[in-house]
PDB file of N, CA and C in Angstrom:
ATOM      1  N   MET A   1       0.964  -1.052   0.073  1.00  0.00           N
ATOM      2  CA  MET A   1       0.118  -0.242   0.180  1.00  0.00           C
ATOM      3  C   MET A   1       0.495   1.065  -0.061  1.00  0.00           C
ATOM      4  N   SER A   2       0.413   1.875  -0.881  1.00  0.00           N
ATOM      5  CA  SER A   2       1.419   3.449  -1.113  1.00  0.00           C
ATOM      6  C   SER A   2       1.313   4.034   0.674  1.00  0.00           C
ATOM      7  N   ASP A   3       2.597   4.917   0.093  1.00  0.00           N
ATOM      8  CA  ASP A   3       1.953   5.758   1.983  1.00  0.00           C
ATOM      9  C   ASP A   3       0.844   7.271   2.428  1.00  0.00           C
ATOM     10  N   ASP A   4       0.356   7.925   0.665  1.00  0.00           N
ATOM     11  CA  ASP A   4      -0.209   8.466   0.162  1.00  0.00           C
ATOM     12  C   ASP A   4      -1.542   7.435  -0.063  1.00  0.00           C
ATOM     13  N   ALA A   5      -2.284   6.301  -0.217  1.00  0.00           N
ATOM     14  CA  ALA A   5      -3.298   5.797   0.591  1.00  0.00           C
ATOM     15  C   ALA A   5      -2.847   5.345   1.905  1.00  0.00           C
ATOM     16  N   ARG A   6      -2.592   5.266   2.452  1.00  0.00           N
ATOM     17  CA  ARG A   6      -1.863   4.392   4.106  1.00  0.00           C
ATOM     18  C   ARG A   6      -2.131   6.007   4.461  1.00  0.00           C
ATOM     19  N   ALA A   7      -1.980   7.269   4.354  1.00  0.00           N
ATOM     20  CA  ALA A   7      -2.604   7.677   5.161  1.00  0.00           C
ATOM     21  C   ALA A   7      -4.267   8.149   4.974  1.00  0.00           C
ATOM     22  N   GLY A   8      -4.556   7.835   4.030  1.00  0.00           N
ATOM     23  CA  GLY A   8      -6.711   8.557   3.974  1.00  0.00           C
ATOM     24  C   GLY A   8      -6.462   7.179   4.511  1.00  0.00           C
ATOM     25  N   HIS A   9      -6.597   6.401   5.391  1.00  0.00           N
ATOM     26  CA  HIS A   9      -7.718   5.936   6.150  1.00  0.00           C
ATOM     27  C   HIS A   9      -7.663   5.948   7.115  1.00  0.00           C
ATOM     28  N   ARG A  10      -8.893   5.525   7.095  1.00  0.00           N
ATOM     29  CA  ARG A  10      -9.930   6.220   8.522  1.00  0.00           C
ATOM     30  C   ARG A  10     -10.644   5.670   9.389  1.00  0.00           C
ATOM     31  N   GLU A  11     -10.307   5.960  10.815  1.00  0.00           N
ATOM     32  CA  GLU A  11     -10.093   5.687  12.222  1.00  0.00           C
ATOM     33  C   GLU A  11     -11.598   4.428  12.150  1.00  0.00           C
ATOM     34  N   ASP A  12     -10.237   3.024  12.518  1.00  0.00           N
ATOM     35  CA  ASP A  12     -12.244   1.832  12.031  1.00  0.00           C
ATOM     36  C   ASP A  12     -12.291   2.078  13.022  1.00  0.00           C
ATOM     37  N   ILE A  13     -13.593   2.676  13.044  1.00  0.00           N
ATOM     38  CA  ILE A  13     -14.898   2.748  13.179  1.00  0.00           C
ATOM     39  C   ILE A  13     -16.131   2.342  12.640  1.00  0.00           C
ATOM     40  N   TYR A  14     -15.836   1.622  11.619  1.00  0.00           N
ATOM     41  CA  TYR A  14     -17.497   1.177  11.350  1.00  0.00           C
ATOM     42  C   TYR A  14     -17.533  -0.694  11.579  1.00  0.00           C
ATOM     43  N   GLY A  15     -17.015  -1.063  12.597  1.00  0.00           N
ATOM     44  CA  GLY A  15     -17.278  -2.210  12.896  1.00  0.00           C
ATOM     45  C   GLY A  15     -17.564  -3.254  11.444  1.00  0.00           C
ATOM     46  N   LYS A  16     -18.206  -4.644  12.113  1.00  0.00           N
ATOM     47  CA  LYS A  16     -17.172  -5.107  11.048  1.00  0.00           C
ATOM     48  C   LYS A  16     -18.536  -5.772  10.273  1.00  0.00           C
ATOM     49  N   THR A  17     -18.803  -6.622   9.149  1.00  0.00           N
ATOM     50  CA  THR A  17     -19.495  -7.116   8.663  1.00  0.00           C
ATOM     51  C   THR A  17     -20.006  -7.886   8.915  1.00  0.00           C
ATOM     52  N   PRO A  18     -21.437  -8.997   8.382  1.00  0.00           N
ATOM     53  CA  PRO A  18     -22.436  -9.390   8.820  1.00  0.00           C
ATOM     54  C   PRO A  18     -21.481 -10.887   9.424  1.00  0.00           C
ATOM     55  N   ASN A  19     -19.787 -10.914   8.548  1.00  0.00           N
ATOM     56  CA  ASN A  19     -19.264 -12.199   8.498  1.00  0.00           C
ATOM     57  C   ASN A  19     -18.573 -11.923   9.915  1.00  0.00           C
ATOM     58  N   GLY A  20     -18.330 -10.935  10.370  1.00  0.00           N
ATOM     59  CA  GLY A  20     -17.315 -10.623  11.136  1.00  0.00           C
ATOM     60  C   GLY A  20     -16.326 -10.205  11.115  1.00  0.00           C
ATOM     61  N   LEU A  21     -15.521  -9.323   9.598  1.00  0.00           N
ATOM     62  CA  LEU A  21     -14.484  -9.375   9.013  1.00  0.00           C
ATOM     63  C   LEU A  21     -13.806  -8.015   9.193  1.00  0.00           C
ATOM     64  N   ASP A  22     -13.659  -7.294   9.475  1.00  0.00           N
ATOM     65  CA  ASP A  22     -12.964  -6.217   9.552  1.00  0.00           C
ATOM     66  C   ASP A  22     -13.636  -4.886   8.555  1.00  0.00           C
ATOM     67  N   ILE A  23     -14.555  -4.142   8.809  1.00  0.00           N
ATOM     68  CA  ILE A  23     -14.711  -3.278   7.446  1.00  0.00           C
ATOM     69  C   ILE A  23     -12.882  -1.461   7.469  1.00  0.00           C
ATOM     70  N   HIS A  24     -13.140  -2.135   6.958  1.00  0.00           N
ATOM     71  CA  HIS A  24     -11.527  -0.951   6.325  1.00  0.00           C
ATOM     72  C   HIS A  24     -12.524   0.245   4.913  1.00  0.00           C
ATOM     73  N   VAL A  25     -11.766   1.663   6.099  1.00  0.00           N
ATOM     74  CA  VAL A  25     -12.287   2.356   4.839  1.00  0.00           C
ATOM     75  C   VAL A  25     -11.389   3.627   4.577  1.00  0.00           C
ATOM     76  N   PHE A  26     -10.979   3.666   3.077  1.00  0.00           N
ATOM     77  CA  PHE A  26      -9.691   4.524   3.309  1.00  0.00           C
ATOM     78  C   PHE A  26     -10.435   6.282   1.688  1.00  0.00           C
ATOM     79  N   ASP A  27     -10.183   7.407   2.230  1.00  0.00           N
ATOM     80  CA  ASP A  27     -10.595   8.496   1.238  1.00  0.00           C
ATOM     81  C   ASP A  27      -9.259   8.061   0.363  1.00  0.00           C
ATOM     82  N   CYS A  28      -9.505   8.557  -0.756  1.00  0.00           N
ATOM     83  CA  CYS A  28      -8.741   8.157  -1.814  1.00  0.00           C
ATOM     84  C   CYS A  28      -7.538   9.630  -2.402  1.00  0.00           C
ATOM     85  N   PRO A  29      -6.191   9.614  -2.581  1.00  0.00           N
ATOM     86  CA  PRO A  29      -5.687  10.600  -1.974  1.00  0.00           C
ATOM     87  C   PRO A  29      -6.055  11.169  -4.161  1.00  0.00           C
ATOM     88  N   GLY A  30      -6.097  12.560  -4.131  1.00  0.00           N
ATOM     89  CA  GLY A  30      -6.521  13.085  -5.234  1.00  0.00           C
ATOM     90  C   GLY A  30      -5.859  13.007  -6.030  1.00  0.00           C
ATOM     91  N   ASP A  31      -5.470  12.928  -7.892  1.00  0.00           N
ATOM     92  CA  ASP A  31      -5.011  12.992  -8.425  1.00  0.00           C
ATOM     93  C   ASP A  31      -4.090  11.487  -8.000  1.00  0.00           C
ATOM     94  N   LYS A  32      -4.311  10.037  -7.670  1.00  0.00           N
ATOM     95  CA  LYS A  32      -3.208   9.622  -7.818  1.00  0.00           C
ATOM     96  C   LYS A  32      -3.471   8.349  -8.226  1.00  0.00           C
ATOM     97  N   LEU A  33      -2.509   7.186  -8.020  1.00  0.00           N
ATOM     98  CA  LEU A  33      -3.134   5.498  -9.000  1.00  0.00           C
ATOM     99  C   LEU A  33      -3.823   4.661  -7.263  1.00  0.00           C
ATOM    100  N   VAL A  34      -5.220   3.855  -7.151  1.00  0.00           N
ATOM    101  CA  VAL A  34      -4.845   3.765  -6.521  1.00  0.00           C
ATOM    102  C   VAL A  34      -4.918   2.584  -6.530  1.00  0.00           C
ATOM    103  N   THR A  35      -4.395   1.266  -5.427  1.00  0.00           N
ATOM    104  CA  THR A  35      -4.677  -0.415  -6.201  1.00  0.00           C
ATOM    105  C   THR A  35      -5.184  -0.836  -4.241  1.00  0.00           C
ATOM    106  N   LEU A  36      -6.475  -1.755  -5.180  1.00  0.00           N
ATOM    107  CA  LEU A  36      -7.673  -1.965  -4.658  1.00  0.00           C
ATOM    108  C   LEU A  36      -7.427  -3.857  -4.717  1.00  0.00           C
ATOM    109  N   TRP A  37      -7.228  -4.690  -3.011  1.00  0.00           N
ATOM    110  CA  TRP A  37      -6.935  -5.940  -3.476  1.00  0.00           C
ATOM    111  C   TRP A  37      -8.162  -6.545  -2.562  1.00  0.00           C
ATOM    112  N   SER A  38      -8.070  -7.833  -2.672  1.00  0.00           N
ATOM    113  CA  SER A  38      -9.025  -8.792  -1.689  1.00  0.00           C
ATOM    114  C   SER A  38      -7.777  -9.598  -0.722  1.00  0.00           C
ATOM    115  N   SER A  39      -8.623 -10.183   0.529  1.00  0.00           N
ATOM    116  CA  SER A  39      -7.731 -11.263   0.712  1.00  0.00           C
ATOM    117  C   SER A  39      -7.335 -12.996   0.135  1.00  0.00           C
ATOM    118  N   ARG A  40      -7.906 -12.044  -1.010  1.00  0.00           N
ATOM    119  CA  ARG A  40      -8.270 -14.380  -1.017  1.00  0.00           C
ATOM    120  C   ARG A  40      -8.006 -14.548  -2.519  1.00  0.00           C
ATOM    121  N   PHE A  41      -8.331 -15.171  -3.666  1.00  0.00           N
ATOM    122  CA  PHE A  41      -8.182 -14.968  -4.880  1.00  0.00           C
ATOM    123  C   PHE A  41      -9.354 -16.304  -4.609  1.00  0.00           C
ATOM    124  N   GLY A  42     -11.080 -15.317  -6.056  1.00  0.00           N
ATOM    125  CA  GLY A  42     -12.200 -15.991  -5.995  1.00  0.00           C
ATOM    126  C   GLY A  42     -12.353 -16.185  -6.736  1.00  0.00           C
ATOM    127  N   VAL A  43     -13.106 -16.988  -6.989  1.00  0.00           N
ATOM    128  CA  VAL A  43     -14.173 -18.161  -8.582  1.00  0.00           C
ATOM    129  C   VAL A  43     -14.963 -17.872  -8.843  1.00  0.00           C
ATOM    130  N   GLY A  44     -15.693 -18.027  -9.877  1.00  0.00           N
ATOM    131  CA  GLY A  44     -16.989 -17.819 -10.568  1.00  0.00           C
ATOM    132  C   GLY A  44     -18.052 -17.394  -9.698  1.00  0.00           C
ATOM    133  N   LYS A  45     -17.816 -18.794  -9.065  1.00  0.00           N
ATOM    134  CA  LYS A  45     -19.574 -18.369  -7.808  1.00  0.00           C
ATOM    135  C   LYS A  45     -20.075 -17.809  -6.932  1.00  0.00           C
ATOM    136  N   ASP A  46     -18.207 -17.441  -6.805  1.00  0.00           N
ATOM    137  CA  ASP A  46     -18.309 -15.662  -5.121  1.00  0.00           C
ATOM    138  C   ASP A  46     -18.573 -14.798  -5.544  1.00  0.00           C
ATOM    139  N   ASN A  47     -18.982 -15.050  -6.961  1.00  0.00           N
ATOM    140  CA  ASN A  47     -19.999 -12.906  -7.577  1.00  0.00           C
ATOM    141  C   ASN A  47     -21.004 -13.109  -6.660  1.00  0.00           C
ATOM    142  N   PRO A  48     -20.908 -11.646  -7.079  1.00  0.00           N
ATOM    143  CA  PRO A  48     -22.331 -11.595  -6.005  1.00  0.00           C
ATOM    144  C   PRO A  48     -23.271 -11.336  -7.127  1.00  0.00           C
ATOM    145  N   SER A  49     -24.781 -11.770  -7.344  1.00  0.00           N
ATOM    146  CA  SER A  49     -25.516 -11.519  -8.373  1.00  0.00           C
ATOM    147  C   SER A  49     -26.106 -10.450  -8.214  1.00  0.00           C
ATOM    148  N   SER A  50     -26.472  -9.728  -7.236  1.00  0.00           N
ATOM    149  CA  SER A  50     -26.390  -8.325  -7.801  1.00  0.00           C
ATOM    150  C   SER A  50     -25.212  -7.006  -7.313  1.00  0.00           C
ATOM    151  N   SER A  51     -25.213  -5.805  -8.330  1.00  0.00           N
ATOM    152  CA  SER A  51     -24.451  -5.092  -7.558  1.00  0.00           C
ATOM    153  C   SER A  51     -24.627  -4.129  -6.293  1.00  0.00           C
ATOM    154  N   VAL A  52     -25.569  -3.987  -5.500  1.00  0.00           N
ATOM    155  CA  VAL A  52     -26.364  -4.203  -4.113  1.00  0.00           C
ATOM    156  C   VAL A  52     -26.238  -5.068  -3.074  1.00  0.00           C
ATOM    157  N   ILE A  53     -25.525  -5.124  -2.317  1.00  0.00           N
ATOM    158  CA  ILE A  53     -25.447  -5.701  -1.182  1.00  0.00           C
ATOM    159  C   ILE A  53     -26.694  -5.631  -0.041  1.00  0.00           C
ATOM    160  N   PRO A  54     -27.079  -6.757   0.452  1.00  0.00           N
ATOM    161  CA  PRO A  54     -28.824  -6.687   1.696  1.00  0.00           C
ATOM    162  C   PRO A  54     -27.361  -6.276   2.604  1.00  0.00           C
ATOM    163  N   VAL A  55     -27.557  -5.403   3.641  1.00  0.00           N
ATOM    164  CA  VAL A  55     -26.445  -5.234   5.297  1.00  0.00           C
ATOM    165  C   VAL A  55     -27.060  -6.889   5.554  1.00  0.00           C
ATOM    166  N   ASP A  56     -27.971  -7.581   5.203  1.00  0.00           N
ATOM    167  CA  ASP A  56     -28.667  -9.081   6.265  1.00  0.00           C
ATOM    168  C   ASP A  56     -28.016 -10.130   5.001  1.00  0.00           C
ATOM    169  N   ALA A  57     -27.464 -10.178   3.711  1.00  0.00           N
ATOM    170  CA  ALA A  57     -27.719 -10.737   2.959  1.00  0.00           C
ATOM    171  C   ALA A  57     -25.898 -11.983   3.583  1.00  0.00           C
ATOM    172  N   ASP A  58     -26.648 -13.339   2.506  1.00  0.00           N
ATOM    173  CA  ASP A  58     -25.674 -14.249   3.059  1.00  0.00           C
ATOM    174  C   ASP A  58     -24.711 -14.910   2.438  1.00  0.00           C
ATOM    175  N   TYR A  59     -23.678 -14.297   3.210  1.00  0.00           N
ATOM    176  CA  TYR A  59     -22.051 -14.329   2.262  1.00  0.00           C
ATOM    177  C   TYR A  59     -21.828 -14.870   3.183  1.00  0.00           C
ATOM    178  N   GLY A  60     -21.051 -15.777   2.386  1.00  0.00           N
ATOM    179  CA  GLY A  60     -20.210 -16.183   3.610  1.00  0.00           C
ATOM    180  C   GLY A  60     -18.051 -15.510   3.845  1.00  0.00           C
ATOM    181  N   LYS A  61     -18.119 -16.329   5.125  1.00  0.00           N
ATOM    182  CA  LYS A  61     -16.364 -15.689   4.976  1.00  0.00           C
ATOM    183  C   LYS A  61     -15.672 -15.140   3.801  1.00  0.00           C
ATOM    184  N   LEU A  62     -15.856 -16.356   2.668  1.00  0.00           N
ATOM    185  CA  LEU A  62     -14.406 -16.818   1.735  1.00  0.00           C
ATOM    186  C   LEU A  62     -14.788 -15.663   1.304  1.00  0.00           C
ATOM    187  N   GLN A  63     -16.331 -15.597   0.849  1.00  0.00           N
ATOM    188  CA  GLN A  63     -16.479 -14.875  -0.808  1.00  0.00           C
ATOM    189  C   GLN A  63     -15.939 -13.239  -0.189  1.00  0.00           C
ATOM    190  N   GLU A  64     -16.867 -12.954   1.395  1.00  0.00           N
ATOM    191  CA  GLU A  64     -16.509 -11.966   2.143  1.00  0.00           C
ATOM    192  C   GLU A  64     -14.913 -11.135   1.459  1.00  0.00           C
ATOM    193  N   ARG A  65     -13.938 -12.504   1.786  1.00  0.00           N
ATOM    194  CA  ARG A  65     -12.402 -11.812   1.138  1.00  0.00           C
ATOM    195  C   ARG A  65     -12.842 -12.050   0.039  1.00  0.00           C
ATOM    196  N   SER A  66     -13.202 -12.176  -0.188  1.00  0.00           N
ATOM    197  CA  SER A  66     -12.429 -12.537  -1.716  1.00  0.00           C
ATOM    198  C   SER A  66     -13.328 -11.697  -3.055  1.00  0.00           C
ATOM    199  N   MET A  67     -14.264 -10.175  -2.489  1.00  0.00           N
ATOM    200  CA  MET A  67     -14.475  -8.948  -2.400  1.00  0.00           C
ATOM    201  C   MET A  67     -14.074  -7.224  -2.136  1.00  0.00           C
ATOM    202  N   VAL A  68     -14.589  -7.222  -3.333  1.00  0.00           N
ATOM    203  CA  VAL A  68     -13.256  -5.571  -3.367  1.00  0.00           C
ATOM    204  C   VAL A  68     -14.462  -4.491  -3.270  1.00  0.00           C
ATOM    205  N   GLN A  69     -15.290  -3.580  -2.073  1.00  0.00           N
ATOM    206  CA  GLN A  69     -16.405  -2.951  -2.351  1.00  0.00           C
ATOM    207  C   GLN A  69     -15.762  -1.632  -2.745  1.00  0.00           C
ATOM    208  N   ILE A  70     -16.519  -0.902  -3.473  1.00  0.00           N
ATOM    209  CA  ILE A  70     -15.628   0.310  -3.643  1.00  0.00           C
ATOM    210  C   ILE A  70     -17.116   1.449  -3.721  1.00  0.00           C
ATOM    211  N   ASP A  71     -17.516   2.264  -2.895  1.00  0.00           N
ATOM    212  CA  ASP A  71     -18.345   3.577  -2.805  1.00  0.00           C
ATOM    213  C   ASP A  71     -17.659   4.581  -3.337  1.00  0.00           C
ATOM    214  N   MET A  72     -18.933   5.472  -4.324  1.00  0.00           N
ATOM    215  CA  MET A  72     -17.727   6.415  -4.566  1.00  0.00           C
ATOM    216  C   MET A  72     -19.209   7.483  -4.534  1.00  0.00           C
ATOM    217  N   TYR A  73     -17.908   8.719  -4.010  1.00  0.00           N
ATOM    218  CA  TYR A  73     -19.767   9.880  -4.208  1.00  0.00           C
ATOM    219  C   TYR A  73     -19.102  11.227  -5.058  1.00  0.00           C
ATOM    220  N   ASN A  74     -20.054  11.766  -5.461  1.00  0.00           N
ATOM    221  CA  ASN A  74     -19.457  13.448  -6.198  1.00  0.00           C
ATOM    222  C   ASN A  74     -18.411  12.601  -7.001  1.00  0.00           C
ATOM    223  N   ILE A  75     -18.070  11.729  -8.258  1.00  0.00           N
ATOM    224  CA  ILE A  75     -18.121  10.740  -9.586  1.00  0.00           C
ATOM    225  C   ILE A  75     -18.943  11.220 -10.500  1.00  0.00           C
ATOM    226  N   ASN A  76     -17.863  11.741 -11.629  1.00  0.00           N
ATOM    227  CA  ASN A  76     -18.943  11.684 -13.033  1.00  0.00           C
ATOM    228  C   ASN A  76     -18.655  10.610 -13.579  1.00  0.00           C
ATOM    229  N   GLU A  77     -17.133   9.944 -13.112  1.00  0.00           N
ATOM    230  CA  GLU A  77     -16.234   9.485 -14.208  1.00  0.00           C
ATOM    231  C   GLU A  77     -15.117   8.783 -13.551  1.00  0.00           C
ATOM    232  N   PHE A  78     -14.698   8.023 -13.743  1.00  0.00           N
ATOM    233  CA  PHE A  78     -14.187   7.140 -12.901  1.00  0.00           C
ATOM    234  C   PHE A  78     -13.175   6.496 -14.324  1.00  0.00           C
ATOM    235  N   GLU A  79     -11.857   6.159 -14.428  1.00  0.00           N
ATOM    236  CA  GLU A  79     -11.207   4.649 -15.563  1.00  0.00           C
ATOM    237  C   GLU A  79     -10.203   3.955 -14.703  1.00  0.00           C
ATOM    238  N   VAL A  80     -10.564   2.683 -14.766  1.00  0.00           N
ATOM    239  CA  VAL A  80     -10.231   1.299 -14.854  1.00  0.00           C
ATOM    240  C   VAL A  80      -9.550   0.690 -15.603  1.00  0.00           C
TER     241      VAL A  80
END
């Protein structure tokens, strides 16, 4: 993780997922590249069937560890 990205880590006040995994939130540094990662390689069956994940979703720990969720605010476009 770059120093710029590490500096954007918010205090861990967001709690845990329904499966007990820690939630980490980062503010992306302006005009810098950001690398995202999960804690394990997933397989096709790990993919959610919807881009909207309800709070009480029945996802297992392995599936959660295979995904990255990105929430964006006030963004018109982005490049992947």
